PDB file of N, CA and C in Angstrom:
ATOM      1  N   MET A   1     -12.562   6.968 -14.662  1.00  0.00           N
ATOM      2  CA  MET A   1     -12.296   7.138 -13.240  1.00  0.00           C
ATOM      3  C   MET A   1     -11.069   8.044 -13.094  1.00  0.00           C
ATOM      4  N   ASN A   2     -11.116   8.928 -12.146  1.00  0.00           N
ATOM      5  CA  ASN A   2     -10.041   9.892 -11.937  1.00  0.00           C
ATOM      6  C   ASN A   2      -9.206   9.526 -10.709  1.00  0.00           C
ATOM      7  N   CYS A   3      -8.954   8.248 -10.496  1.00  0.00           N
ATOM      8  CA  CYS A   3      -8.205   7.773  -9.339  1.00  0.00           C
ATOM      9  C   CYS A   3      -6.724   7.674  -9.709  1.00  0.00           C
ATOM     10  N   ILE A   4      -5.869   8.376  -8.972  1.00  0.00           N
ATOM     11  CA  ILE A   4      -4.441   8.366  -9.278  1.00  0.00           C
ATOM     12  C   ILE A   4      -3.846   6.965  -9.170  1.00  0.00           C
ATOM     13  N   PHE A   5      -4.317   6.159  -8.222  1.00  0.00           N
ATOM     14  CA  PHE A   5      -3.773   4.811  -8.090  1.00  0.00           C
ATOM     15  C   PHE A   5      -4.220   3.915  -9.240  1.00  0.00           C
ATOM     16  N   CYS A   6      -5.444   4.085  -9.729  1.00  0.00           N
ATOM     17  CA  CYS A   6      -5.877   3.341 -10.917  1.00  0.00           C
ATOM     18  C   CYS A   6      -5.029   3.755 -12.119  1.00  0.00           C
ATOM     19  N   LYS A   7      -4.685   5.037 -12.185  1.00  0.00           N
ATOM     20  CA  LYS A   7      -3.822   5.502 -13.275  1.00  0.00           C
ATOM     21  C   LYS A   7      -2.434   4.886 -13.179  1.00  0.00           C
ATOM     22  N   ILE A   8      -1.917   4.705 -11.968  1.00  0.00           N
ATOM     23  CA  ILE A   8      -0.626   4.038 -11.797  1.00  0.00           C
ATOM     24  C   ILE A   8      -0.734   2.579 -12.244  1.00  0.00           C
ATOM     25  N   VAL A   9      -1.795   1.902 -11.835  1.00  0.00           N
ATOM     26  CA  VAL A   9      -2.014   0.511 -12.238  1.00  0.00           C
ATOM     27  C   VAL A   9      -2.039   0.396 -13.761  1.00  0.00           C
ATOM     28  N   ASN A  10      -2.711   1.343 -14.419  1.00  0.00           N
ATOM     29  CA  ASN A  10      -2.857   1.328 -15.880  1.00  0.00           C
ATOM     30  C   ASN A  10      -1.688   1.988 -16.614  1.00  0.00           C
ATOM     31  N   ARG A  11      -0.656   2.381 -15.862  1.00  0.00           N
ATOM     32  CA  ARG A  11       0.533   3.030 -16.423  1.00  0.00           C
ATOM     33  C   ARG A  11       0.213   4.353 -17.113  1.00  0.00           C
ATOM     34  N   GLU A  12      -0.789   5.031 -16.595  1.00  0.00           N
ATOM     35  CA  GLU A  12      -1.157   6.353 -17.099  1.00  0.00           C
ATOM     36  C   GLU A  12      -0.558   7.454 -16.229  1.00  0.00           C
ATOM     37  N   ALA A  13       0.024   7.079 -15.091  1.00  0.00           N
ATOM     38  CA  ALA A  13       0.698   8.011 -14.185  1.00  0.00           C
ATOM     39  C   ALA A  13       1.997   7.337 -13.738  1.00  0.00           C
ATOM     40  N   PRO A  14       3.043   8.126 -13.520  1.00  0.00           N
ATOM     41  CA  PRO A  14       4.333   7.531 -13.163  1.00  0.00           C
ATOM     42  C   PRO A  14       4.386   7.076 -11.707  1.00  0.00           C
ATOM     43  N   ALA A  15       5.155   6.025 -11.484  1.00  0.00           N
ATOM     44  CA  ALA A  15       5.461   5.549 -10.130  1.00  0.00           C
ATOM     45  C   ALA A  15       6.668   4.629 -10.244  1.00  0.00           C
ATOM     46  N   GLU A  16       7.481   4.626  -9.214  1.00  0.00           N
ATOM     47  CA  GLU A  16       8.624   3.715  -9.184  1.00  0.00           C
ATOM     48  C   GLU A  16       8.157   2.393  -8.573  1.00  0.00           C
ATOM     49  N   ILE A  17       7.945   1.414  -9.423  1.00  0.00           N
ATOM     50  CA  ILE A  17       7.375   0.134  -9.022  1.00  0.00           C
ATOM     51  C   ILE A  17       8.431  -0.699  -8.283  1.00  0.00           C
ATOM     52  N   ILE A  18       8.015  -1.259  -7.148  1.00  0.00           N
ATOM     53  CA  ILE A  18       8.882  -2.107  -6.337  1.00  0.00           C
ATOM     54  C   ILE A  18       8.532  -3.577  -6.553  1.00  0.00           C
ATOM     55  N   TYR A  19       7.235  -3.865  -6.644  1.00  0.00           N
ATOM     56  CA  TYR A  19       6.746  -5.239  -6.727  1.00  0.00           C
ATOM     57  C   TYR A  19       5.428  -5.212  -7.490  1.00  0.00           C
ATOM     58  N   GLU A  20       5.195  -6.301  -8.241  1.00  0.00           N
ATOM     59  CA  GLU A  20       3.924  -6.395  -8.954  1.00  0.00           C
ATOM     60  C   GLU A  20       3.614  -7.857  -9.230  1.00  0.00           C
ATOM     61  N   ASP A  21       2.346  -8.208  -9.095  1.00  0.00           N
ATOM     62  CA  ASP A  21       1.862  -9.496  -9.560  1.00  0.00           C
ATOM     63  C   ASP A  21       0.513  -9.250 -10.236  1.00  0.00           C
ATOM     64  N   LYS A  22      -0.239 -10.284 -10.483  1.00  0.00           N
ATOM     65  CA  LYS A  22      -1.496 -10.163 -11.221  1.00  0.00           C
ATOM     66  C   LYS A  22      -2.524  -9.277 -10.506  1.00  0.00           C
ATOM     67  N   ASP A  23      -2.492  -9.256  -9.167  1.00  0.00           N
ATOM     68  CA  ASP A  23      -3.538  -8.583  -8.391  1.00  0.00           C
ATOM     69  C   ASP A  23      -3.087  -7.358  -7.611  1.00  0.00           C
ATOM     70  N   VAL A  24      -1.783  -7.191  -7.457  1.00  0.00           N
ATOM     71  CA  VAL A  24      -1.240  -6.190  -6.533  1.00  0.00           C
ATOM     72  C   VAL A  24      -0.082  -5.458  -7.195  1.00  0.00           C
ATOM     73  N   ILE A  25       0.074  -4.191  -6.815  1.00  0.00           N
ATOM     74  CA  ILE A  25       1.241  -3.428  -7.245  1.00  0.00           C
ATOM     75  C   ILE A  25       1.754  -2.626  -6.047  1.00  0.00           C
ATOM     76  N   ALA A  26       3.068  -2.482  -5.954  1.00  0.00           N
ATOM     77  CA  ALA A  26       3.683  -1.720  -4.866  1.00  0.00           C
ATOM     78  C   ALA A  26       4.638  -0.710  -5.463  1.00  0.00           C
ATOM     79  N   PHE A  27       4.671   0.464  -4.856  1.00  0.00           N
ATOM     80  CA  PHE A  27       5.531   1.539  -5.344  1.00  0.00           C
ATOM     81  C   PHE A  27       5.912   2.432  -4.180  1.00  0.00           C
ATOM     82  N   TYR A  28       6.919   3.264  -4.404  1.00  0.00           N
ATOM     83  CA  TYR A  28       7.381   4.173  -3.353  1.00  0.00           C
ATOM     84  C   TYR A  28       6.360   5.269  -3.105  1.00  0.00           C
ATOM     85  N   GLY A  29       6.185   5.615  -1.821  1.00  0.00           N
ATOM     86  CA  GLY A  29       5.320   6.721  -1.449  1.00  0.00           C
ATOM     87  C   GLY A  29       6.006   8.050  -1.722  1.00  0.00           C
ATOM     88  N   LEU A  30       5.221   9.083  -1.913  1.00  0.00           N
ATOM     89  CA  LEU A  30       5.771  10.410  -2.206  1.00  0.00           C
ATOM     90  C   LEU A  30       6.180  11.172  -0.956  1.00  0.00           C
ATOM     91  N   HIS A  31       5.476  10.976   0.133  1.00  0.00           N
ATOM     92  CA  HIS A  31       5.738  11.717   1.370  1.00  0.00           C
ATOM     93  C   HIS A  31       6.421  10.775   2.352  1.00  0.00           C
ATOM     94  N   PHE A  32       7.737  10.910   2.461  1.00  0.00           N
ATOM     95  CA  PHE A  32       8.501   9.979   3.274  1.00  0.00           C
ATOM     96  C   PHE A  32       8.447  10.374   4.744  1.00  0.00           C
ATOM     97  N   SER A  33       7.962   9.459   5.570  1.00  0.00           N
ATOM     98  CA  SER A  33       7.932   9.679   7.012  1.00  0.00           C
ATOM     99  C   SER A  33       8.984   8.822   7.712  1.00  0.00           C
ATOM    100  N   ALA A  34       9.692   8.025   6.941  1.00  0.00           N
ATOM    101  CA  ALA A  34      10.759   7.159   7.448  1.00  0.00           C
ATOM    102  C   ALA A  34      11.660   6.816   6.264  1.00  0.00           C
ATOM    103  N   PRO A  35      12.829   6.234   6.521  1.00  0.00           N
ATOM    104  CA  PRO A  35      13.704   5.869   5.407  1.00  0.00           C
ATOM    105  C   PRO A  35      13.030   4.943   4.386  1.00  0.00           C
ATOM    106  N   VAL A  36      12.142   4.080   4.842  1.00  0.00           N
ATOM    107  CA  VAL A  36      11.379   3.204   3.955  1.00  0.00           C
ATOM    108  C   VAL A  36       9.918   3.611   4.020  1.00  0.00           C
ATOM    109  N   HIS A  37       9.349   3.953   2.877  1.00  0.00           N
ATOM    110  CA  HIS A  37       7.916   4.253   2.787  1.00  0.00           C
ATOM    111  C   HIS A  37       7.439   3.804   1.419  1.00  0.00           C
ATOM    112  N   ALA A  38       6.641   2.750   1.403  1.00  0.00           N
ATOM    113  CA  ALA A  38       6.106   2.212   0.162  1.00  0.00           C
ATOM    114  C   ALA A  38       4.605   1.999   0.320  1.00  0.00           C
ATOM    115  N   LEU A  39       3.920   1.921  -0.799  1.00  0.00           N
ATOM    116  CA  LEU A  39       2.492   1.655  -0.813  1.00  0.00           C
ATOM    117  C   LEU A  39       2.241   0.343  -1.534  1.00  0.00           C
ATOM    118  N   VAL A  40       1.347  -0.463  -0.993  1.00  0.00           N
ATOM    119  CA  VAL A  40       0.905  -1.698  -1.625  1.00  0.00           C
ATOM    120  C   VAL A  40      -0.592  -1.564  -1.840  1.00  0.00           C
ATOM    121  N   ILE A  41      -1.022  -1.742  -3.105  1.00  0.00           N
ATOM    122  CA  ILE A  41      -2.436  -1.546  -3.435  1.00  0.00           C
ATOM    123  C   ILE A  41      -2.947  -2.710  -4.272  1.00  0.00           C
ATOM    124  N   PRO A  42      -4.250  -2.974  -4.169  1.00  0.00           N
ATOM    125  CA  PRO A  42      -4.837  -3.931  -5.101  1.00  0.00           C
ATOM    126  C   PRO A  42      -5.005  -3.253  -6.456  1.00  0.00           C
ATOM    127  N   LYS A  43      -4.857  -4.016  -7.528  1.00  0.00           N
ATOM    128  CA  LYS A  43      -5.104  -3.449  -8.853  1.00  0.00           C
ATOM    129  C   LYS A  43      -6.587  -3.175  -9.051  1.00  0.00           C
ATOM    130  N   LYS A  44      -7.420  -3.980  -8.415  1.00  0.00           N
ATOM    131  CA  LYS A  44      -8.866  -3.748  -8.451  1.00  0.00           C
ATOM    132  C   LYS A  44      -9.173  -2.518  -7.607  1.00  0.00           C
ATOM    133  N   HIS A  45      -9.998  -1.628  -8.121  1.00  0.00           N
ATOM    134  CA  HIS A  45     -10.362  -0.440  -7.346  1.00  0.00           C
ATOM    135  C   HIS A  45     -11.334  -0.833  -6.230  1.00  0.00           C
ATOM    136  N   ILE A  46     -10.851  -0.713  -5.010  1.00  0.00           N
ATOM    137  CA  ILE A  46     -11.659  -0.877  -3.799  1.00  0.00           C
ATOM    138  C   ILE A  46     -11.431   0.409  -3.028  1.00  0.00           C
ATOM    139  N   GLU A  47     -12.491   1.122  -2.692  1.00  0.00           N
ATOM    140  CA  GLU A  47     -12.333   2.453  -2.092  1.00  0.00           C
ATOM    141  C   GLU A  47     -11.572   2.413  -0.775  1.00  0.00           C
ATOM    142  N   ASN A  48     -11.952   1.556   0.125  1.00  0.00           N
ATOM    143  CA  ASN A  48     -11.259   1.390   1.400  1.00  0.00           C
ATOM    144  C   ASN A  48     -11.756   0.097   2.047  1.00  0.00           C
ATOM    145  N   ILE A  49     -11.313  -0.193   3.258  1.00  0.00           N
ATOM    146  CA  ILE A  49     -11.676  -1.476   3.871  1.00  0.00           C
ATOM    147  C   ILE A  49     -13.174  -1.631   4.063  1.00  0.00           C
ATOM    148  N   MET A  50     -13.904  -0.547   4.097  1.00  0.00           N
ATOM    149  CA  MET A  50     -15.359  -0.635   4.239  1.00  0.00           C
ATOM    150  C   MET A  50     -16.021  -1.156   2.964  1.00  0.00           C
ATOM    151  N   ASP A  51     -15.303  -1.172   1.858  1.00  0.00           N
ATOM    152  CA  ASP A  51     -15.832  -1.656   0.574  1.00  0.00           C
ATOM    153  C   ASP A  51     -15.407  -3.083   0.242  1.00  0.00           C
ATOM    154  N   ILE A  52     -14.663  -3.732   1.111  1.00  0.00           N
ATOM    155  CA  ILE A  52     -14.219  -5.096   0.841  1.00  0.00           C
ATOM    156  C   ILE A  52     -15.427  -6.021   0.843  1.00  0.00           C
ATOM    157  N   LYS A  53     -15.490  -6.865  -0.182  1.00  0.00           N
ATOM    158  CA  LYS A  53     -16.574  -7.842  -0.322  1.00  0.00           C
ATOM    159  C   LYS A  53     -16.017  -9.239  -0.075  1.00  0.00           C
ATOM    160  N   GLU A  54     -16.903 -10.181   0.158  1.00  0.00           N
ATOM    161  CA  GLU A  54     -16.494 -11.561   0.391  1.00  0.00           C
ATOM    162  C   GLU A  54     -15.668 -12.097  -0.788  1.00  0.00           C
ATOM    163  N   ASP A  55     -16.004 -11.670  -1.981  1.00  0.00           N
ATOM    164  CA  ASP A  55     -15.271 -12.109  -3.170  1.00  0.00           C
ATOM    165  C   ASP A  55     -13.834 -11.583  -3.207  1.00  0.00           C
ATOM    166  N   ASP A  56     -13.492 -10.635  -2.351  1.00  0.00           N
ATOM    167  CA  ASP A  56     -12.165 -10.023  -2.342  1.00  0.00           C
ATOM    168  C   ASP A  56     -11.165 -10.753  -1.452  1.00  0.00           C
ATOM    169  N   VAL A  57     -11.548 -11.884  -0.885  1.00  0.00           N
ATOM    170  CA  VAL A  57     -10.664 -12.572   0.067  1.00  0.00           C
ATOM    171  C   VAL A  57      -9.317 -12.930  -0.583  1.00  0.00           C
ATOM    172  N   ARG A  58      -9.303 -13.344  -1.830  1.00  0.00           N
ATOM    173  CA  ARG A  58      -8.051 -13.667  -2.519  1.00  0.00           C
ATOM    174  C   ARG A  58      -7.179 -12.425  -2.657  1.00  0.00           C
ATOM    175  N   ILE A  59      -7.789 -11.305  -2.966  1.00  0.00           N
ATOM    176  CA  ILE A  59      -7.035 -10.056  -3.096  1.00  0.00           C
ATOM    177  C   ILE A  59      -6.407  -9.672  -1.758  1.00  0.00           C
ATOM    178  N   LEU A  60      -7.128  -9.875  -0.662  1.00  0.00           N
ATOM    179  CA  LEU A  60      -6.565  -9.559   0.656  1.00  0.00           C
ATOM    180  C   LEU A  60      -5.338 -10.422   0.943  1.00  0.00           C
ATOM    181  N   TYR A  61      -5.421 -11.698   0.589  1.00  0.00           N
ATOM    182  CA  TYR A  61      -4.252 -12.562   0.750  1.00  0.00           C
ATOM    183  C   TYR A  61      -3.092 -12.019  -0.096  1.00  0.00           C
ATOM    184  N   LYS A  62      -3.373 -11.661  -1.347  1.00  0.00           N
ATOM    185  CA  LYS A  62      -2.331 -11.193  -2.252  1.00  0.00           C
ATOM    186  C   LYS A  62      -1.715  -9.881  -1.756  1.00  0.00           C
ATOM    187  N   ILE A  63      -2.523  -9.007  -1.156  1.00  0.00           N
ATOM    188  CA  ILE A  63      -1.981  -7.769  -0.575  1.00  0.00           C
ATOM    189  C   ILE A  63      -0.988  -8.118   0.532  1.00  0.00           C
ATOM    190  N   HIS A  64      -1.368  -9.028   1.415  1.00  0.00           N
ATOM    191  CA  HIS A  64      -0.474  -9.387   2.518  1.00  0.00           C
ATOM    192  C   HIS A  64       0.774 -10.111   2.010  1.00  0.00           C
ATOM    193  N   HIS A  65       0.636 -10.911   0.995  1.00  0.00           N
ATOM    194  CA  HIS A  65       1.807 -11.520   0.377  1.00  0.00           C
ATOM    195  C   HIS A  65       2.711 -10.422  -0.201  1.00  0.00           C
ATOM    196  N   GLY A  66       2.109  -9.442  -0.869  1.00  0.00           N
ATOM    197  CA  GLY A  66       2.867  -8.317  -1.417  1.00  0.00           C
ATOM    198  C   GLY A  66       3.573  -7.520  -0.338  1.00  0.00           C
ATOM    199  N   LEU A  67       2.909  -7.310   0.789  1.00  0.00           N
ATOM    200  CA  LEU A  67       3.540  -6.604   1.906  1.00  0.00           C
ATOM    201  C   LEU A  67       4.803  -7.335   2.361  1.00  0.00           C
ATOM    202  N   LYS A  68       4.727  -8.653   2.472  1.00  0.00           N
ATOM    203  CA  LYS A  68       5.899  -9.436   2.872  1.00  0.00           C
ATOM    204  C   LYS A  68       7.018  -9.326   1.842  1.00  0.00           C
ATOM    205  N   GLU A  69       6.668  -9.424   0.568  1.00  0.00           N
ATOM    206  CA  GLU A  69       7.680  -9.348  -0.484  1.00  0.00           C
ATOM    207  C   GLU A  69       8.352  -7.978  -0.514  1.00  0.00           C
ATOM    208  N   VAL A  70       7.570  -6.928  -0.384  1.00  0.00           N
ATOM    209  CA  VAL A  70       8.126  -5.572  -0.388  1.00  0.00           C
ATOM    210  C   VAL A  70       9.030  -5.368   0.823  1.00  0.00           C
ATOM    211  N   ALA A  71       8.622  -5.863   1.983  1.00  0.00           N
ATOM    212  CA  ALA A  71       9.461  -5.749   3.184  1.00  0.00           C
ATOM    213  C   ALA A  71      10.807  -6.436   2.969  1.00  0.00           C
ATOM    214  N   LYS A  72      10.789  -7.585   2.309  1.00  0.00           N
ATOM    215  CA  LYS A  72      12.049  -8.285   2.012  1.00  0.00           C
ATOM    216  C   LYS A  72      12.887  -7.470   1.022  1.00  0.00           C
ATOM    217  N   ILE A  73      12.259  -7.013  -0.052  1.00  0.00           N
ATOM    218  CA  ILE A  73      12.978  -6.254  -1.083  1.00  0.00           C
ATOM    219  C   ILE A  73      13.619  -4.999  -0.496  1.00  0.00           C
ATOM    220  N   LEU A  74      12.894  -4.320   0.392  1.00  0.00           N
ATOM    221  CA  LEU A  74      13.378  -3.053   0.952  1.00  0.00           C
ATOM    222  C   LEU A  74      14.234  -3.232   2.206  1.00  0.00           C
ATOM    223  N   GLY A  75      14.437  -4.473   2.631  1.00  0.00           N
ATOM    224  CA  GLY A  75      15.362  -4.757   3.723  1.00  0.00           C
ATOM    225  C   GLY A  75      14.845  -4.465   5.118  1.00  0.00           C
ATOM    226  N   VAL A  76      13.529  -4.480   5.310  1.00  0.00           N
ATOM    227  CA  VAL A  76      12.990  -4.212   6.648  1.00  0.00           C
ATOM    228  C   VAL A  76      12.319  -5.438   7.271  1.00  0.00           C
ATOM    229  N   SER A  77      12.337  -6.568   6.578  1.00  0.00           N
ATOM    230  CA  SER A  77      11.627  -7.749   7.082  1.00  0.00           C
ATOM    231  C   SER A  77      12.237  -8.293   8.376  1.00  0.00           C
ATOM    232  N   ARG A  78      13.510  -8.131   8.550  1.00  0.00           N
ATOM    233  CA  ARG A  78      14.179  -8.687   9.738  1.00  0.00           C
ATOM    234  C   ARG A  78      13.956  -7.825  10.991  1.00  0.00           C
ATOM    235  N   ASP A  79      14.177  -6.520  10.886  1.00  0.00           N
ATOM    236  CA  ASP A  79      14.083  -5.649  12.057  1.00  0.00           C
ATOM    237  C   ASP A  79      12.662  -5.158  12.329  1.00  0.00           C
ATOM    238  N   GLY A  80      11.801  -5.242  11.336  1.00  0.00           N
ATOM    239  CA  GLY A  80      10.411  -4.872  11.539  1.00  0.00           C
ATOM    240  C   GLY A  80      10.011  -3.595  10.816  1.00  0.00           C
ATOM    241  N   PHE A  81       8.721  -3.420  10.726  1.00  0.00           N
ATOM    242  CA  PHE A  81       8.141  -2.300   9.993  1.00  0.00           C
ATOM    243  C   PHE A  81       6.694  -2.139  10.439  1.00  0.00           C
ATOM    244  N   ARG A  82       6.091  -1.077  10.010  1.00  0.00           N
ATOM    245  CA  ARG A  82       4.688  -0.808  10.334  1.00  0.00           C
ATOM    246  C   ARG A  82       3.880  -0.848   9.048  1.00  0.00           C
ATOM    247  N   VAL A  83       2.665  -1.395   9.142  1.00  0.00           N
ATOM    248  CA  VAL A  83       1.714  -1.394   8.028  1.00  0.00           C
ATOM    249  C   VAL A  83       0.515  -0.569   8.480  1.00  0.00           C
ATOM    250  N   ILE A  84       0.173   0.425   7.664  1.00  0.00           N
ATOM    251  CA  ILE A  84      -0.919   1.343   8.014  1.00  0.00           C
ATOM    252  C   ILE A  84      -1.874   1.453   6.832  1.00  0.00           C
ATOM    253  N   THR A  85      -3.166   1.449   7.122  1.00  0.00           N
ATOM    254  CA  THR A  85      -4.149   1.809   6.113  1.00  0.00           C
ATOM    255  C   THR A  85      -5.097   2.833   6.731  1.00  0.00           C
ATOM    256  N   ASN A  86      -5.383   3.868   5.992  1.00  0.00           N
ATOM    257  CA  ASN A  86      -6.272   4.930   6.457  1.00  0.00           C
ATOM    258  C   ASN A  86      -7.628   4.741   5.797  1.00  0.00           C
ATOM    259  N   THR A  87      -8.689   4.936   6.575  1.00  0.00           N
ATOM    260  CA  THR A  87     -10.035   4.717   6.062  1.00  0.00           C
ATOM    261  C   THR A  87     -10.911   5.928   6.354  1.00  0.00           C
ATOM    262  N   GLY A  88     -11.396   6.553   5.307  1.00  0.00           N
ATOM    263  CA  GLY A  88     -12.337   7.661   5.438  1.00  0.00           C
ATOM    264  C   GLY A  88     -11.705   8.970   5.892  1.00  0.00           C
ATOM    265  N   LYS A  89     -12.555   9.970   5.964  1.00  0.00           N
ATOM    266  CA  LYS A  89     -12.123  11.332   6.293  1.00  0.00           C
ATOM    267  C   LYS A  89     -11.420  11.404   7.650  1.00  0.00           C
ATOM    268  N   HIS A  90     -12.024  10.848   8.686  1.00  0.00           N
ATOM    269  CA  HIS A  90     -11.424  10.926  10.015  1.00  0.00           C
ATOM    270  C   HIS A  90     -10.183  10.057  10.135  1.00  0.00           C
ATOM    271  N   GLY A  91     -10.041   9.073   9.258  1.00  0.00           N
ATOM    272  CA  GLY A  91      -8.841   8.239   9.223  1.00  0.00           C
ATOM    273  C   GLY A  91      -7.749   8.845   8.360  1.00  0.00           C
ATOM    274  N   GLN A  92      -8.001  10.035   7.830  1.00  0.00           N
ATOM    275  CA  GLN A  92      -7.072  10.794   6.985  1.00  0.00           C
ATOM    276  C   GLN A  92      -6.754  10.098   5.669  1.00  0.00           C
ATOM    277  N   GLN A  93      -7.755   9.395   5.116  1.00  0.00           N
ATOM    278  CA  GLN A  93      -7.555   8.798   3.802  1.00  0.00           C
ATOM    279  C   GLN A  93      -7.554   9.910   2.768  1.00  0.00           C
ATOM    280  N   GLU A  94      -6.494  10.000   1.997  1.00  0.00           N
ATOM    281  CA  GLU A  94      -6.367  11.051   0.983  1.00  0.00           C
ATOM    282  C   GLU A  94      -6.693  10.547  -0.412  1.00  0.00           C
ATOM    283  N   VAL A  95      -6.321   9.308  -0.712  1.00  0.00           N
ATOM    284  CA  VAL A  95      -6.635   8.705  -2.003  1.00  0.00           C
ATOM    285  C   VAL A  95      -7.640   7.592  -1.736  1.00  0.00           C
ATOM    286  N   TYR A  96      -8.801   7.693  -2.346  1.00  0.00           N
ATOM    287  CA  TYR A  96      -9.876   6.736  -2.088  1.00  0.00           C
ATOM    288  C   TYR A  96      -9.771   5.515  -2.997  1.00  0.00           C
ATOM    289  N   HIS A  97      -8.632   4.854  -2.864  1.00  0.00           N
ATOM    290  CA  HIS A  97      -8.338   3.543  -3.438  1.00  0.00           C
ATOM    291  C   HIS A  97      -7.578   2.850  -2.316  1.00  0.00           C
ATOM    292  N   MET A  98      -8.101   1.760  -1.792  1.00  0.00           N
ATOM    293  CA  MET A  98      -7.505   1.099  -0.636  1.00  0.00           C
ATOM    294  C   MET A  98      -6.009   0.908  -0.859  1.00  0.00           C
ATOM    295  N   HIS A  99      -5.223   1.276   0.137  1.00  0.00           N
ATOM    296  CA  HIS A  99      -3.778   1.125   0.056  1.00  0.00           C
ATOM    297  C   HIS A  99      -3.193   0.959   1.447  1.00  0.00           C
ATOM    298  N   TYR A 100      -2.067   0.277   1.461  1.00  0.00           N
ATOM    299  CA  TYR A 100      -1.369  -0.006   2.706  1.00  0.00           C
ATOM    300  C   TYR A 100       0.020   0.604   2.628  1.00  0.00           C
ATOM    301  N   HIS A 101       0.388   1.344   3.651  1.00  0.00           N
ATOM    302  CA  HIS A 101       1.721   1.930   3.745  1.00  0.00           C
ATOM    303  C   HIS A 101       2.631   0.943   4.482  1.00  0.00           C
ATOM    304  N   ILE A 102       3.824   0.736   3.969  1.00  0.00           N
ATOM    305  CA  ILE A 102       4.884   0.037   4.697  1.00  0.00           C
ATOM    306  C   ILE A 102       5.868   1.120   5.105  1.00  0.00           C
ATOM    307  N   ILE A 103       6.087   1.235   6.404  1.00  0.00           N
ATOM    308  CA  ILE A 103       6.984   2.258   6.931  1.00  0.00           C
ATOM    309  C   ILE A 103       8.016   1.567   7.811  1.00  0.00           C
ATOM    310  N   GLY A 104       9.277   1.887   7.596  1.00  0.00           N
ATOM    311  CA  GLY A 104      10.325   1.264   8.395  1.00  0.00           C
ATOM    312  C   GLY A 104      11.688   1.849   8.088  1.00  0.00           C
ATOM    313  N   GLY A 105      12.699   1.101   8.470  1.00  0.00           N
ATOM    314  CA  GLY A 105      14.076   1.538   8.245  1.00  0.00           C
ATOM    315  C   GLY A 105      14.672   2.277   9.418  1.00  0.00           C
ATOM    316  N   ARG A 106      13.922   2.429  10.470  1.00  0.00           N
ATOM    317  CA  ARG A 106      14.403   3.044  11.716  1.00  0.00           C
ATOM    318  C   ARG A 106      13.451   2.650  12.831  1.00  0.00           C
ATOM    319  N   GLN A 107      13.844   2.906  14.072  1.00  0.00           N
ATOM    320  CA  GLN A 107      12.946   2.656  15.200  1.00  0.00           C
ATOM    321  C   GLN A 107      11.772   3.624  15.095  1.00  0.00           C
ATOM    322  N   LEU A 108      10.570   3.085  15.054  1.00  0.00           N
ATOM    323  CA  LEU A 108       9.374   3.919  14.941  1.00  0.00           C
ATOM    324  C   LEU A 108       8.802   4.221  16.315  1.00  0.00           C
ATOM    325  N   ASN A 109       8.261   5.420  16.463  1.00  0.00           N
ATOM    326  CA  ASN A 109       7.571   5.820  17.672  1.00  0.00           C
ATOM    327  C   ASN A 109       6.078   5.841  17.391  1.00  0.00           C
ATOM    328  N   TRP A 110       5.290   5.827  18.430  1.00  0.00           N
ATOM    329  CA  TRP A 110       3.849   5.928  18.254  1.00  0.00           C
ATOM    330  C   TRP A 110       3.438   7.347  18.632  1.00  0.00           C
ATOM    331  N   GLU A 111       3.140   8.145  17.611  1.00  0.00           N
ATOM    332  CA  GLU A 111       2.755   9.530  17.825  1.00  0.00           C
ATOM    333  C   GLU A 111       1.329   9.731  17.358  1.00  0.00           C
ATOM    334  N   MET A 112       0.511  10.334  18.148  1.00  0.00           N
ATOM    335  CA  MET A 112      -0.884  10.578  17.771  1.00  0.00           C
ATOM    336  C   MET A 112      -1.136  12.051  17.695  1.00  0.00           C
TER     337      MET A 112
END
């Protein structure tokens, strides 16, 4: 598989890891849109939310647990942050491995 996020999970590509457990890994994003920008991904390759199966319910819980832990580690849990996932071409998904962006560290605006 030629998925950059799978390569990060397998330590075949570099990333600055923030948090990791058995099912989830979090690392800093490359394109910073705010002072805090991190990605939380399942270690299991799931293309996007349209590929989630009933058997993935535990992984979804673990992703949300990871989001909370990363927010605490990065110091945005108190003032707030945004969680974004992009799905498909029109959703501007660039890497087809489901991932969630944590963005924060300043007052965010809603720009479309």
